[in-house]
Amino acid sequence: MKTIDRRTLLTTLGIAGGATALGVHQGAGGADSQPADASSPTWHYTPLDPQATSDLAYQYYADGGCMYAVVTSVIRQLAELHGEPFRSFPCEMMRYGAGGVGEWGSLCGVVNGAMALAGMFCSEKEKPRREALASEFCQWYESTALPSFSPAEPLLDCPVPKAVSGSVLCHVSVAKWCQESGCEAFSPEKKERCRRLAADGAKKIVEMLNAAHQGTAAPAPTLSPAVASCVACHGKEDMANANGHMSCQTCHDIDESHP
């Protein structure tokens, strides 16, 4: 049997002179503590233009829905700047998020896609920074009258009213908008609304990633007084029968007998 000496083995593995070949993944404004092999892909974030990103998301929506539009508008710009590994990223997988995950009306694909990007570029094992990004984005989505994006060349030229969703859930967000606009949930107007909402979400997450990359990210938003009041009793420190930071009263009716 032919034997392989240590030097031959190390050379075969690409480790010359006994030194390890290490790479560090730079995320948005930080680095992972765990080293990676030099041959591993590095997902470097480069600040992008928010308005250009929203314009791209508006166009990409037709190819795969809201989550696909948000993610693809960022990844394809980075592919143009850096080539691999972004050029090979399977953006098509993000089509599952349309309609709140396969039309189930759960987490809105705009939120889902934005947090996928946050996870890609803030991939540290410790999670506080990702949670801060999630809090900022989700509170923006819940409390802002959307959509605000106005395309230069709208695919459907019609009035698109704004509405405050009060929830990150697709079916709630759509229902609130339908109530405000008087349009049906399966109308062309609603599709145009979601297309513009994807553009808003892409712009927002790029603004946040730009700030994180430059080290100027805002601290995590505090809970709204209403949610903080609910968490005070139902959260981990008391009854511990509810977990989450979503707006509670969007879905739960609170009668006068409730403390």
C-alpha atoms as a PDB file:
ATOM      1  CA  MET A   1       0.000   0.000   0.000  1.00  0.00           C
ATOM      2  CA  LYS A   2       1.335   3.411  -0.967  1.00  0.00           C
ATOM      3  CA  THR A   3       1.744   5.780   1.964  1.00  0.00           C
ATOM      4  CA  ILE A   4       1.422   9.565   1.886  1.00  0.00           C
ATOM      5  CA  ASP A   5       3.742  11.607   4.030  1.00  0.00           C
ATOM      6  CA  ARG A   6       2.569  14.634   6.006  1.00  0.00           C
ATOM      7  CA  ARG A   7       4.010  17.241   3.593  1.00  0.00           C
ATOM      8  CA  THR A   8       2.325  15.630   0.597  1.00  0.00           C
ATOM      9  CA  LEU A   9      -0.982  15.497   2.469  1.00  0.00           C
ATOM     10  CA  LEU A  10      -0.812  19.144   3.497  1.00  0.00           C
ATOM     11  CA  THR A  11       0.115  20.188  -0.027  1.00  0.00           C
ATOM     12  CA  THR A  12      -2.835  18.230  -1.407  1.00  0.00           C
ATOM     13  CA  LEU A  13      -5.140  20.009   1.024  1.00  0.00           C
ATOM     14  CA  GLY A  14      -3.741  23.375  -0.025  1.00  0.00           C
ATOM     15  CA  ILE A  15      -2.067  24.078   3.312  1.00  0.00           C
ATOM     16  CA  ALA A  16       1.515  25.024   2.617  1.00  0.00           C
ATOM     17  CA  GLY A  17       4.253  24.832   5.222  1.00  0.00           C
ATOM     18  CA  GLY A  18       1.815  23.727   7.940  1.00  0.00           C
ATOM     19  CA  ALA A  19       0.095  27.136   7.932  1.00  0.00           C
ATOM     20  CA  THR A  20      -3.687  27.180   7.730  1.00  0.00           C
ATOM     21  CA  ALA A  21      -5.366  29.109   4.954  1.00  0.00           C
ATOM     22  CA  LEU A  22      -8.077  31.097   6.679  1.00  0.00           C
ATOM     23  CA  GLY A  23     -10.618  33.546   5.391  1.00  0.00           C
ATOM     24  CA  VAL A  24     -12.874  35.920   7.290  1.00  0.00           C
ATOM     25  CA  HIS A  25     -16.391  36.680   6.123  1.00  0.00           C
ATOM     26  CA  GLN A  26     -17.080  40.387   6.267  1.00  0.00           C
ATOM     27  CA  GLY A  27     -20.749  41.121   6.797  1.00  0.00           C
ATOM     28  CA  ALA A  28     -22.567  44.426   6.888  1.00  0.00           C
ATOM     29  CA  GLY A  29     -20.349  46.376   9.247  1.00  0.00           C
ATOM     30  CA  GLY A  30     -18.809  43.396  11.006  1.00  0.00           C
ATOM     31  CA  ALA A  31     -17.060  40.056  10.691  1.00  0.00           C
ATOM     32  CA  ASP A  32     -17.897  36.538  11.735  1.00  0.00           C
ATOM     33  CA  SER A  33     -15.787  35.190  14.552  1.00  0.00           C
ATOM     34  CA  GLN A  34     -15.489  31.757  12.962  1.00  0.00           C
ATOM     35  CA  PRO A  35     -12.864  31.473  10.192  1.00  0.00           C
ATOM     36  CA  ALA A  36     -13.647  29.858   6.862  1.00  0.00           C
ATOM     37  CA  ASP A  37     -11.493  28.095   4.308  1.00  0.00           C
ATOM     38  CA  ALA A  38     -10.011  30.439   1.712  1.00  0.00           C
ATOM     39  CA  SER A  39     -11.950  28.633  -1.011  1.00  0.00           C
ATOM     40  CA  SER A  40     -15.282  29.364   0.670  1.00  0.00           C
ATOM     41  CA  PRO A  41     -17.460  32.035  -0.962  1.00  0.00           C
ATOM     42  CA  THR A  42     -17.389  35.456   0.686  1.00  0.00           C
ATOM     43  CA  TRP A  43     -20.636  37.373   0.768  1.00  0.00           C
ATOM     44  CA  HIS A  44     -19.343  40.932   0.948  1.00  0.00           C
ATOM     45  CA  TYR A  45     -21.974  43.660   1.060  1.00  0.00           C
ATOM     46  CA  THR A  46     -21.319  46.846  -0.869  1.00  0.00           C
ATOM     47  CA  PRO A  47     -23.582  49.854  -0.220  1.00  0.00           C
ATOM     48  CA  LEU A  48     -26.161  50.262  -2.968  1.00  0.00           C
ATOM     49  CA  ASP A  49     -28.351  53.101  -4.161  1.00  0.00           C
ATOM     50  CA  PRO A  50     -31.761  52.715  -2.427  1.00  0.00           C
ATOM     51  CA  GLN A  51     -33.768  54.373  -5.182  1.00  0.00           C
ATOM     52  CA  ALA A  52     -32.163  52.297  -7.933  1.00  0.00           C
ATOM     53  CA  THR A  53     -32.852  49.194  -5.866  1.00  0.00           C
ATOM     54  CA  SER A  54     -36.528  50.046  -5.498  1.00  0.00           C
ATOM     55  CA  ASP A  55     -36.798  50.616  -9.253  1.00  0.00           C
ATOM     56  CA  LEU A  56     -35.310  47.163  -9.879  1.00  0.00           C
ATOM     57  CA  ALA A  57     -37.600  45.485  -7.332  1.00  0.00           C
ATOM     58  CA  TYR A  58     -40.604  46.995  -9.052  1.00  0.00           C
ATOM     59  CA  GLN A  59     -39.487  45.416 -12.327  1.00  0.00           C
ATOM     60  CA  TYR A  60     -38.517  42.037 -10.839  1.00  0.00           C
ATOM     61  CA  TYR A  61     -41.868  41.567  -9.124  1.00  0.00           C
ATOM     62  CA  ALA A  62     -43.454  40.171 -12.293  1.00  0.00           C
ATOM     63  CA  ASP A  63     -40.870  37.346 -12.360  1.00  0.00           C
ATOM     64  CA  GLY A  64     -41.583  35.904  -8.935  1.00  0.00           C
ATOM     65  CA  GLY A  65     -43.560  38.080  -6.534  1.00  0.00           C
ATOM     66  CA  CYS A  66     -42.655  40.240  -3.559  1.00  0.00           C
ATOM     67  CA  MET A  67     -39.976  38.210  -1.781  1.00  0.00           C
ATOM     68  CA  TYR A  68     -38.227  37.410  -5.039  1.00  0.00           C
ATOM     69  CA  ALA A  69     -38.285  41.078  -6.052  1.00  0.00           C
ATOM     70  CA  VAL A  70     -36.741  42.308  -2.783  1.00  0.00           C
ATOM     71  CA  VAL A  71     -33.905  39.773  -2.749  1.00  0.00           C
ATOM     72  CA  THR A  72     -33.171  39.787  -6.472  1.00  0.00           C
ATOM     73  CA  SER A  73     -32.973  43.579  -6.656  1.00  0.00           C
ATOM     74  CA  VAL A  74     -30.032  43.441  -4.218  1.00  0.00           C
ATOM     75  CA  ILE A  75     -28.289  40.225  -5.261  1.00  0.00           C
ATOM     76  CA  ARG A  76     -28.138  41.043  -8.959  1.00  0.00           C
ATOM     77  CA  GLN A  77     -26.598  44.442  -8.307  1.00  0.00           C
ATOM     78  CA  LEU A  78     -23.927  42.793  -6.164  1.00  0.00           C
ATOM     79  CA  ALA A  79     -23.391  40.215  -8.911  1.00  0.00           C
ATOM     80  CA  GLU A  80     -22.673  43.055 -11.328  1.00  0.00           C
ATOM     81  CA  LEU A  81     -20.175  44.536  -8.875  1.00  0.00           C
ATOM     82  CA  HIS A  82     -18.461  41.371  -7.635  1.00  0.00           C
ATOM     83  CA  GLY A  83     -19.402  38.465  -9.884  1.00  0.00           C
ATOM     84  CA  GLU A  84     -19.269  35.307  -7.804  1.00  0.00           C
ATOM     85  CA  PRO A  85     -20.633  34.122  -5.463  1.00  0.00           C
ATOM     86  CA  PHE A  86     -23.575  36.452  -6.099  1.00  0.00           C
ATOM     87  CA  ARG A  87     -23.832  35.542  -9.770  1.00  0.00           C
ATOM     88  CA  SER A  88     -24.632  31.941  -8.828  1.00  0.00           C
ATOM     89  CA  PHE A  89     -27.055  32.752  -6.022  1.00  0.00           C
ATOM     90  CA  PRO A  90     -30.370  30.960  -6.714  1.00  0.00           C
ATOM     91  CA  CYS A  91     -32.734  33.922  -6.532  1.00  0.00           C
ATOM     92  CA  GLU A  92     -35.478  31.679  -7.926  1.00  0.00           C
ATOM     93  CA  MET A  93     -35.783  29.958  -4.539  1.00  0.00           C
ATOM     94  CA  MET A  94     -37.255  33.178  -3.151  1.00  0.00           C
ATOM     95  CA  ARG A  95     -40.419  32.760  -5.199  1.00  0.00           C
ATOM     96  CA  TYR A  96     -41.831  30.617  -2.379  1.00  0.00           C
ATOM     97  CA  GLY A  97     -42.519  33.763  -0.342  1.00  0.00           C
ATOM     98  CA  ALA A  98     -45.160  35.184  -2.685  1.00  0.00           C
ATOM     99  CA  GLY A  99     -48.567  35.593  -1.093  1.00  0.00           C
ATOM    100  CA  GLY A 100     -47.259  35.069   2.412  1.00  0.00           C
ATOM    101  CA  VAL A 101     -45.441  31.751   1.728  1.00  0.00           C
ATOM    102  CA  GLY A 102     -47.094  29.922  -1.135  1.00  0.00           C
ATOM    103  CA  GLU A 103     -50.290  32.005  -0.916  1.00  0.00           C
ATOM    104  CA  TRP A 104     -50.896  31.010   2.720  1.00  0.00           C
ATOM    105  CA  GLY A 105     -51.107  34.642   3.779  1.00  0.00           C
ATOM    106  CA  SER A 106     -48.559  34.286   6.575  1.00  0.00           C
ATOM    107  CA  LEU A 107     -45.363  36.383   6.751  1.00  0.00           C
ATOM    108  CA  CYS A 108     -45.364  38.979   3.974  1.00  0.00           C
ATOM    109  CA  GLY A 109     -42.717  38.228   1.358  1.00  0.00           C
ATOM    110  CA  VAL A 110     -41.428  41.793   1.606  1.00  0.00           C
ATOM    111  CA  VAL A 111     -40.502  41.176   5.255  1.00  0.00           C
ATOM    112  CA  ASN A 112     -39.333  37.628   4.543  1.00  0.00           C
ATOM    113  CA  GLY A 113     -37.022  38.761   1.747  1.00  0.00           C
ATOM    114  CA  ALA A 114     -35.616  41.704   3.661  1.00  0.00           C
ATOM    115  CA  MET A 115     -34.757  39.485   6.617  1.00  0.00           C
ATOM    116  CA  ALA A 116     -33.148  36.904   4.327  1.00  0.00           C
ATOM    117  CA  LEU A 117     -30.774  39.657   3.186  1.00  0.00           C
ATOM    118  CA  ALA A 118     -30.168  40.763   6.773  1.00  0.00           C
ATOM    119  CA  GLY A 119     -29.322  37.166   7.660  1.00  0.00           C
ATOM    120  CA  MET A 120     -26.925  36.874   4.732  1.00  0.00           C
ATOM    121  CA  PHE A 121     -24.921  39.966   5.563  1.00  0.00           C
ATOM    122  CA  CYS A 122     -25.204  39.866   9.359  1.00  0.00           C
ATOM    123  CA  SER A 123     -24.513  36.178   9.828  1.00  0.00           C
ATOM    124  CA  GLU A 124     -22.729  36.227  13.176  1.00  0.00           C
ATOM    125  CA  LYS A 125     -23.572  33.403  15.565  1.00  0.00           C
ATOM    126  CA  GLU A 126     -24.735  35.914  18.142  1.00  0.00           C
ATOM    127  CA  LYS A 127     -28.107  37.295  17.105  1.00  0.00           C
ATOM    128  CA  PRO A 128     -28.666  40.761  18.704  1.00  0.00           C
ATOM    129  CA  ARG A 129     -27.731  42.653  15.530  1.00  0.00           C
ATOM    130  CA  ARG A 130     -30.068  40.570  13.374  1.00  0.00           C
ATOM    131  CA  GLU A 131     -32.858  41.025  15.908  1.00  0.00           C
ATOM    132  CA  ALA A 132     -32.255  44.783  15.869  1.00  0.00           C
ATOM    133  CA  LEU A 133     -32.572  44.824  12.077  1.00  0.00           C
ATOM    134  CA  ALA A 134     -35.730  42.723  12.278  1.00  0.00           C
ATOM    135  CA  SER A 135     -37.260  45.038  14.867  1.00  0.00           C
ATOM    136  CA  GLU A 136     -36.503  48.131  12.817  1.00  0.00           C
ATOM    137  CA  PHE A 137     -37.856  46.670   9.576  1.00  0.00           C
ATOM    138  CA  CYS A 138     -40.952  45.028  11.065  1.00  0.00           C
ATOM    139  CA  GLN A 139     -41.963  48.101  13.023  1.00  0.00           C
ATOM    140  CA  TRP A 140     -41.530  50.201   9.882  1.00  0.00           C
ATOM    141  CA  TYR A 141     -43.705  47.760   7.924  1.00  0.00           C
ATOM    142  CA  GLU A 142     -46.415  47.604  10.595  1.00  0.00           C
ATOM    143  CA  SER A 143     -46.698  51.314  11.270  1.00  0.00           C
ATOM    144  CA  THR A 144     -46.006  53.074   7.944  1.00  0.00           C
ATOM    145  CA  ALA A 145     -48.664  54.017   5.404  1.00  0.00           C
ATOM    146  CA  LEU A 146     -47.619  52.046   2.328  1.00  0.00           C
ATOM    147  CA  PRO A 147     -46.961  51.833  -0.541  1.00  0.00           C
ATOM    148  CA  SER A 148     -45.171  55.109  -1.087  1.00  0.00           C
ATOM    149  CA  PHE A 149     -43.138  54.109  -4.159  1.00  0.00           C
ATOM    150  CA  SER A 150     -44.163  55.929  -7.327  1.00  0.00           C
ATOM    151  CA  PRO A 151     -42.790  54.336 -10.513  1.00  0.00           C
ATOM    152  CA  ALA A 152     -41.696  56.545 -13.391  1.00  0.00           C
ATOM    153  CA  GLU A 153     -43.426  54.162 -15.781  1.00  0.00           C
ATOM    154  CA  PRO A 154     -46.137  52.275 -13.861  1.00  0.00           C
ATOM    155  CA  LEU A 155     -47.074  48.870 -15.180  1.00  0.00           C
ATOM    156  CA  LEU A 156     -50.641  49.666 -14.134  1.00  0.00           C
ATOM    157  CA  ASP A 157     -51.383  53.372 -14.141  1.00  0.00           C
ATOM    158  CA  CYS A 158     -54.049  53.671 -11.448  1.00  0.00           C
ATOM    159  CA  PRO A 159     -54.503  55.298  -8.047  1.00  0.00           C
ATOM    160  CA  VAL A 160     -52.807  53.194  -5.352  1.00  0.00           C
ATOM    161  CA  PRO A 161     -53.929  54.369  -1.896  1.00  0.00           C
ATOM    162  CA  LYS A 162     -51.736  53.935   1.151  1.00  0.00           C
ATOM    163  CA  ALA A 163     -52.715  51.953   4.231  1.00  0.00           C
ATOM    164  CA  VAL A 164     -51.155  51.089   7.588  1.00  0.00           C
ATOM    165  CA  SER A 165     -51.104  47.304   7.877  1.00  0.00           C
ATOM    166  CA  GLY A 166     -50.691  47.001  11.642  1.00  0.00           C
ATOM    167  CA  SER A 167     -49.215  43.550  10.984  1.00  0.00           C
ATOM    168  CA  VAL A 168     -46.399  41.785   9.152  1.00  0.00           C
ATOM    169  CA  LEU A 169     -48.832  39.078   8.030  1.00  0.00           C
ATOM    170  CA  CYS A 170     -49.722  39.096   4.365  1.00  0.00           C
ATOM    171  CA  HIS A 171     -53.437  38.445   4.766  1.00  0.00           C
ATOM    172  CA  VAL A 172     -53.823  41.222   7.349  1.00  0.00           C
ATOM    173  CA  SER A 173     -51.757  43.668   5.309  1.00  0.00           C
ATOM    174  CA  VAL A 174     -53.779  42.946   2.167  1.00  0.00           C
ATOM    175  CA  ALA A 175     -57.107  43.110   4.016  1.00  0.00           C
ATOM    176  CA  LYS A 176     -56.281  46.502   5.516  1.00  0.00           C
ATOM    177  CA  TRP A 177     -55.302  47.824   2.113  1.00  0.00           C
ATOM    178  CA  CYS A 178     -58.441  46.434   0.466  1.00  0.00           C
ATOM    179  CA  GLN A 179     -60.544  48.061   3.154  1.00  0.00           C
ATOM    180  CA  GLU A 180     -58.813  51.388   2.591  1.00  0.00           C
ATOM    181  CA  SER A 181     -58.841  51.244  -1.212  1.00  0.00           C
ATOM    182  CA  GLY A 182     -62.150  49.526  -1.893  1.00  0.00           C
ATOM    183  CA  CYS A 183     -60.350  47.117  -4.259  1.00  0.00           C
ATOM    184  CA  GLU A 184     -60.624  43.329  -4.199  1.00  0.00           C
ATOM    185  CA  ALA A 185     -57.762  41.122  -3.012  1.00  0.00           C
ATOM    186  CA  PHE A 186     -57.392  39.513  -6.448  1.00  0.00           C
ATOM    187  CA  SER A 187     -57.691  42.677  -8.515  1.00  0.00           C
ATOM    188  CA  PRO A 188     -55.021  44.163 -10.812  1.00  0.00           C
ATOM    189  CA  GLU A 189     -54.939  47.165  -8.461  1.00  0.00           C
ATOM    190  CA  LYS A 190     -53.972  44.949  -5.530  1.00  0.00           C
ATOM    191  CA  LYS A 191     -51.158  43.366  -7.566  1.00  0.00           C
ATOM    192  CA  GLU A 192     -49.890  46.834  -8.423  1.00  0.00           C
ATOM    193  CA  ARG A 193     -50.042  47.713  -4.738  1.00  0.00           C
ATOM    194  CA  CYS A 194     -47.900  44.679  -3.822  1.00  0.00           C
ATOM    195  CA  ARG A 195     -45.472  45.430  -6.643  1.00  0.00           C
ATOM    196  CA  ARG A 196     -44.946  48.932  -5.250  1.00  0.00           C
ATOM    197  CA  LEU A 197     -44.757  47.611  -1.700  1.00  0.00           C
ATOM    198  CA  ALA A 198     -41.899  45.308  -2.756  1.00  0.00           C
ATOM    199  CA  ALA A 199     -40.097  48.374  -4.121  1.00  0.00           C
ATOM    200  CA  ASP A 200     -40.583  50.156  -0.789  1.00  0.00           C
ATOM    201  CA  GLY A 201     -39.238  47.153   1.117  1.00  0.00           C
ATOM    202  CA  ALA A 202     -36.179  46.809  -1.103  1.00  0.00           C
ATOM    203  CA  LYS A 203     -35.362  50.481  -0.612  1.00  0.00           C
ATOM    204  CA  LYS A 204     -35.793  50.238   3.157  1.00  0.00           C
ATOM    205  CA  ILE A 205     -33.573  47.186   3.659  1.00  0.00           C
ATOM    206  CA  VAL A 206     -30.822  48.688   1.498  1.00  0.00           C
ATOM    207  CA  GLU A 207     -30.936  51.874   3.569  1.00  0.00           C
ATOM    208  CA  MET A 208     -30.589  49.738   6.684  1.00  0.00           C
ATOM    209  CA  LEU A 209     -27.765  47.579   5.276  1.00  0.00           C
ATOM    210  CA  ASN A 210     -25.945  50.699   4.095  1.00  0.00           C
ATOM    211  CA  ALA A 211     -26.138  52.153   7.590  1.00  0.00           C
ATOM    212  CA  ALA A 212     -24.984  48.892   9.182  1.00  0.00           C
ATOM    213  CA  HIS A 213     -22.072  48.649   6.750  1.00  0.00           C
ATOM    214  CA  GLN A 214     -20.988  52.184   7.612  1.00  0.00           C
ATOM    215  CA  GLY A 215     -21.377  51.579  11.338  1.00  0.00           C
ATOM    216  CA  THR A 216     -24.188  54.105  11.720  1.00  0.00           C
ATOM    217  CA  ALA A 217     -27.117  51.722  12.220  1.00  0.00           C
ATOM    218  CA  ALA A 218     -29.804  53.002  14.567  1.00  0.00           C
ATOM    219  CA  PRO A 219     -30.340  51.161  17.868  1.00  0.00           C
ATOM    220  CA  ALA A 220     -33.121  48.625  17.979  1.00  0.00           C
ATOM    221  CA  PRO A 221     -36.507  50.329  18.265  1.00  0.00           C
ATOM    222  CA  THR A 222     -38.332  49.972  21.551  1.00  0.00           C
ATOM    223  CA  LEU A 223     -41.676  48.215  21.654  1.00  0.00           C
ATOM    224  CA  SER A 224     -44.762  50.328  21.217  1.00  0.00           C
ATOM    225  CA  PRO A 225     -46.553  51.080  24.521  1.00  0.00           C
ATOM    226  CA  ALA A 226     -49.453  48.792  23.563  1.00  0.00           C
ATOM    227  CA  VAL A 227     -47.201  45.818  22.771  1.00  0.00           C
ATOM    228  CA  ALA A 228     -44.990  46.480  25.803  1.00  0.00           C
ATOM    229  CA  SER A 229     -48.098  46.418  27.992  1.00  0.00           C
ATOM    230  CA  CYS A 230     -49.115  43.023  26.598  1.00  0.00           C
ATOM    231  CA  VAL A 231     -45.600  41.582  26.909  1.00  0.00           C
ATOM    232  CA  ALA A 232     -45.370  42.777  30.516  1.00  0.00           C
ATOM    233  CA  CYS A 233     -48.003  40.203  31.477  1.00  0.00           C
ATOM    234  CA  HIS A 234     -47.864  37.561  28.753  1.00  0.00           C
ATOM    235  CA  GLY A 235     -44.095  37.576  28.150  1.00  0.00           C
ATOM    236  CA  LYS A 236     -41.199  35.577  29.550  1.00  0.00           C
ATOM    237  CA  GLU A 237     -41.031  37.349  32.917  1.00  0.00           C
ATOM    238  CA  ASP A 238     -44.652  36.723  33.902  1.00  0.00           C
ATOM    239  CA  MET A 239     -47.262  34.383  32.375  1.00  0.00           C
ATOM    240  CA  ALA A 240     -44.905  33.239  29.600  1.00  0.00           C
ATOM    241  CA  ASN A 241     -47.795  32.176  27.372  1.00  0.00           C
ATOM    242  CA  ALA A 242     -47.000  34.381  24.358  1.00  0.00           C
ATOM    243  CA  ASN A 243     -43.859  35.052  22.375  1.00  0.00           C
ATOM    244  CA  GLY A 244     -43.449  37.831  19.854  1.00  0.00           C
ATOM    245  CA  HIS A 245     -43.308  41.559  19.239  1.00  0.00           C
ATOM    246  CA  MET A 246     -46.065  41.898  16.641  1.00  0.00           C
ATOM    247  CA  SER A 247     -48.848  44.368  17.216  1.00  0.00           C
ATOM    248  CA  CYS A 248     -51.238  42.431  19.457  1.00  0.00           C
ATOM    249  CA  GLN A 249     -54.488  44.338  19.069  1.00  0.00           C
ATOM    250  CA  THR A 250     -54.526  43.983  15.294  1.00  0.00           C
ATOM    251  CA  CYS A 251     -55.753  40.406  15.769  1.00  0.00           C
ATOM    252  CA  HIS A 252     -56.874  40.263  19.412  1.00  0.00           C
ATOM    253  CA  ASP A 253     -59.958  42.075  20.662  1.00  0.00           C
ATOM    254  CA  ILE A 254     -59.387  43.392  24.167  1.00  0.00           C
ATOM    255  CA  ASP A 255     -62.653  43.808  26.110  1.00  0.00           C
ATOM    256  CA  GLU A 256     -63.186  46.211  28.976  1.00  0.00           C
ATOM    257  CA  SER A 257     -62.746  43.479  31.586  1.00  0.00           C
ATOM    258  CA  HIS A 258     -59.174  42.830  30.528  1.00  0.00           C
ATOM    259  CA  PRO A 259     -56.602  44.246  32.974  1.00  0.00           C
END
